[in-house]
């Protein structure tokens, strides 16, 4: 029956007291009320007040996944695809915002073409994060040709390789 309620960020790791009624959750620190929330009956719910967040976190509230994807699309299709992969790889898209915003900052330092090439390489190696794109750009790997995709050739035929049909047709014996 866990529910999560915010407190001012300055109280992180501090012990607080909580008063709960049928309609309200009140949080006290050193006998002084520091937060009051309407009771949320949903298990696992998160109730957060914007003013409880540090200013650096509040700025992310103006961003949405669609806004980030739209920005990325303005740089190029590879940048857009990478941002989509970053957001989809997280349990909550917001967890990928910092990485996406970092990539936005790289667009100011490097050319649009270089960023697009770096994003293409990051997608090819499944490196869906800011650090990888930054490393690709710093190492100038974006200027190198992408490795050829691995293709599966003809299967190896040998008497010791049985294949899936062998296992589907064998009888199961129980001792």
Protein backbone atom coordinates (compact mmCIF):
# COMPACT_ATOMS: atom_id res chain seq x y z
CA UNK A 1 0.00 0.00 0.00
CA UNK A 2 2.84 2.37 -0.83
CA UNK A 3 2.03 5.90 -1.91
CA UNK A 4 4.57 8.65 -2.51
CA UNK A 5 4.13 12.29 -1.49
CA UNK A 6 6.63 15.07 -2.07
CA UNK A 7 8.33 17.23 0.53
CA UNK A 8 10.61 20.23 -0.06
CA UNK A 9 13.81 18.93 -1.67
CA UNK A 10 15.90 20.37 1.19
CA UNK A 11 14.48 17.61 3.41
CA UNK A 12 15.86 14.72 1.35
CA UNK A 13 17.10 11.98 3.70
CA UNK A 14 15.65 13.78 6.72
CA UNK A 15 13.24 12.02 9.05
CA UNK A 16 9.75 13.50 8.95
CA UNK A 17 6.49 12.77 10.70
CA UNK A 18 3.31 12.08 8.75
CA UNK A 19 -0.32 12.56 9.76
CA UNK A 20 -2.87 10.81 7.59
CA UNK A 21 -6.62 11.27 7.59
CA UNK A 22 -9.22 10.00 5.12
CA UNK A 23 -8.73 13.13 3.00
CA UNK A 24 -5.30 14.59 3.82
CA UNK A 25 -1.64 13.66 4.20
CA UNK A 26 0.29 16.14 6.29
CA UNK A 27 4.11 16.06 6.53
CA UNK A 28 5.84 17.60 9.54
CA UNK A 29 9.51 18.33 10.11
CA UNK A 30 10.51 19.20 13.68
CA UNK A 31 6.80 19.63 14.52
CA UNK A 32 6.29 22.18 11.73
CA UNK A 33 4.06 21.39 8.75
CA UNK A 34 6.17 21.41 5.58
CA UNK A 35 3.68 19.81 3.15
CA UNK A 36 0.02 18.93 2.86
CA UNK A 37 -1.46 16.77 0.11
CA UNK A 38 -4.91 15.45 -0.70
CA UNK A 39 -4.91 11.73 0.12
CA UNK A 40 -4.47 9.62 -3.01
CA UNK A 41 -6.01 6.15 -2.56
CA UNK A 42 -4.24 4.63 -5.60
CA UNK A 43 -1.43 2.21 -4.70
CA UNK A 44 2.00 3.18 -5.98
CA UNK A 45 0.83 6.71 -6.80
CA UNK A 46 3.13 9.73 -6.80
CA UNK A 47 1.86 13.12 -5.64
CA UNK A 48 4.34 15.90 -6.28
CA UNK A 49 4.14 19.65 -5.82
CA UNK A 50 6.25 21.71 -8.22
CA UNK A 51 7.50 24.02 -5.48
CA UNK A 52 9.02 21.02 -3.69
CA UNK A 53 11.40 20.46 -6.62
CA UNK A 54 14.74 22.23 -6.98
CA UNK A 55 14.73 24.97 -9.63
CA UNK A 56 16.98 22.84 -11.84
CA UNK A 57 14.29 20.11 -11.94
CA UNK A 58 11.41 22.52 -12.42
CA UNK A 59 12.78 23.60 -15.80
CA UNK A 60 12.19 20.07 -17.13
CA UNK A 61 8.45 20.42 -16.53
CA UNK A 62 8.08 22.55 -19.65
CA UNK A 63 9.42 19.69 -21.77
CA UNK A 64 7.29 16.85 -23.07
CA UNK A 65 8.31 13.77 -25.06
CA UNK A 66 6.55 15.12 -28.16
CA UNK A 67 8.35 18.46 -27.84
CA UNK A 68 11.74 16.74 -27.60
CA UNK A 69 10.94 14.49 -30.56
CA UNK A 70 9.81 17.50 -32.60
CA UNK A 71 13.06 19.35 -31.84
CA UNK A 72 15.12 16.29 -32.72
CA UNK A 73 13.27 15.97 -36.03
CA UNK A 74 14.34 19.51 -36.92
CA UNK A 75 17.97 18.41 -36.71
CA UNK A 76 17.42 15.23 -38.74
CA UNK A 77 15.83 11.81 -38.93
CA UNK A 78 18.68 10.03 -37.09
CA UNK A 79 18.57 12.52 -34.22
CA UNK A 80 14.80 12.06 -34.02
CA UNK A 81 15.13 8.25 -34.06
CA UNK A 82 17.75 8.36 -31.29
CA UNK A 83 15.61 10.61 -29.09
CA UNK A 84 12.65 8.24 -29.59
CA UNK A 85 14.85 5.26 -28.62
CA UNK A 86 16.12 7.07 -25.52
CA UNK A 87 12.60 7.95 -24.37
CA UNK A 88 11.24 4.46 -25.12
CA UNK A 89 14.12 2.74 -23.31
CA UNK A 90 13.09 4.27 -19.98
CA UNK A 91 10.31 3.16 -17.65
CA UNK A 92 9.16 6.78 -17.62
CA UNK A 93 10.05 9.02 -20.60
CA UNK A 94 11.00 11.83 -18.21
CA UNK A 95 13.99 9.73 -17.14
CA UNK A 96 15.44 10.28 -20.62
CA UNK A 97 14.95 14.05 -20.70
CA UNK A 98 18.42 14.93 -19.40
CA UNK A 99 20.07 12.74 -22.02
CA UNK A 100 17.93 14.28 -24.79
CA UNK A 101 18.56 17.82 -23.55
CA UNK A 102 22.29 17.06 -23.46
CA UNK A 103 22.10 16.01 -27.09
CA UNK A 104 20.35 19.32 -27.79
CA UNK A 105 23.33 21.12 -26.26
CA UNK A 106 25.67 19.17 -28.54
CA UNK A 107 23.83 20.68 -31.51
CA UNK A 108 25.14 24.09 -30.42
CA UNK A 109 28.76 22.90 -30.21
CA UNK A 110 28.90 20.67 -33.30
CA UNK A 111 27.33 21.05 -36.72
CA UNK A 112 23.92 19.61 -37.47
CA UNK A 113 25.51 17.20 -39.95
CA UNK A 114 28.01 15.89 -37.40
CA UNK A 115 25.32 15.44 -34.77
CA UNK A 116 23.15 13.58 -37.28
CA UNK A 117 26.06 11.26 -38.18
CA UNK A 118 26.85 10.68 -34.50
CA UNK A 119 23.22 9.80 -33.81
CA UNK A 120 23.27 7.36 -36.75
CA UNK A 121 26.33 5.64 -35.26
CA UNK A 122 24.77 5.57 -31.78
CA UNK A 123 21.67 3.92 -33.26
CA UNK A 124 23.81 1.37 -35.13
CA UNK A 125 25.57 0.30 -31.94
CA UNK A 126 22.43 0.63 -29.79
CA UNK A 127 24.07 3.27 -27.56
CA UNK A 128 20.97 5.22 -26.57
CA UNK A 129 22.47 7.92 -24.34
CA UNK A 130 24.09 11.34 -24.30
CA UNK A 131 27.55 10.12 -23.20
CA UNK A 132 27.85 7.86 -26.24
CA UNK A 133 26.89 10.59 -28.70
CA UNK A 134 29.30 13.00 -27.02
CA UNK A 135 32.10 10.40 -27.16
CA UNK A 136 31.41 9.72 -30.86
CA UNK A 137 31.69 13.43 -31.60
CA UNK A 138 34.81 13.99 -29.48
CA UNK A 139 36.52 10.98 -31.07
CA UNK A 140 35.40 12.10 -34.54
CA UNK A 141 33.89 8.68 -35.16
CA UNK A 142 30.98 10.42 -36.85
CA UNK A 143 33.29 11.02 -39.85
CA UNK A 144 33.99 7.30 -40.29
CA UNK A 145 31.78 4.97 -42.30
CA UNK A 146 29.34 2.90 -40.31
CA UNK A 147 30.24 -0.77 -39.99
CA UNK A 148 28.42 -3.04 -42.40
CA UNK A 149 25.48 -4.83 -40.81
CA UNK A 150 26.11 -8.45 -39.95
CA UNK A 151 24.18 -10.77 -42.22
CA UNK A 152 23.45 -14.38 -41.54
CA UNK A 153 24.83 -16.59 -44.30
CA UNK A 154 23.91 -20.11 -45.27
CA UNK A 155 23.56 -22.50 -42.35
CA UNK A 156 26.42 -24.88 -41.61
CA UNK A 157 25.51 -28.45 -42.52
CA UNK A 158 27.10 -31.14 -40.38
CA UNK A 159 25.91 -34.47 -38.98
CA UNK A 160 26.35 -33.24 -35.38
CA UNK A 161 24.12 -30.21 -35.92
CA UNK A 162 20.57 -31.45 -35.52
CA UNK A 163 18.41 -28.35 -35.82
CA UNK A 164 15.03 -27.58 -34.30
CA UNK A 165 13.17 -30.44 -36.03
CA UNK A 166 15.26 -33.03 -34.18
CA UNK A 167 14.00 -31.76 -30.82
CA UNK A 168 10.40 -31.46 -31.94
CA UNK A 169 10.19 -35.07 -33.07
CA UNK A 170 11.95 -36.81 -30.16
CA UNK A 171 9.81 -38.66 -27.65
CA UNK A 172 10.12 -37.69 -24.03
CA UNK A 173 10.91 -40.59 -21.68
CA UNK A 174 10.36 -40.35 -17.96
CA UNK A 175 12.31 -42.65 -15.66
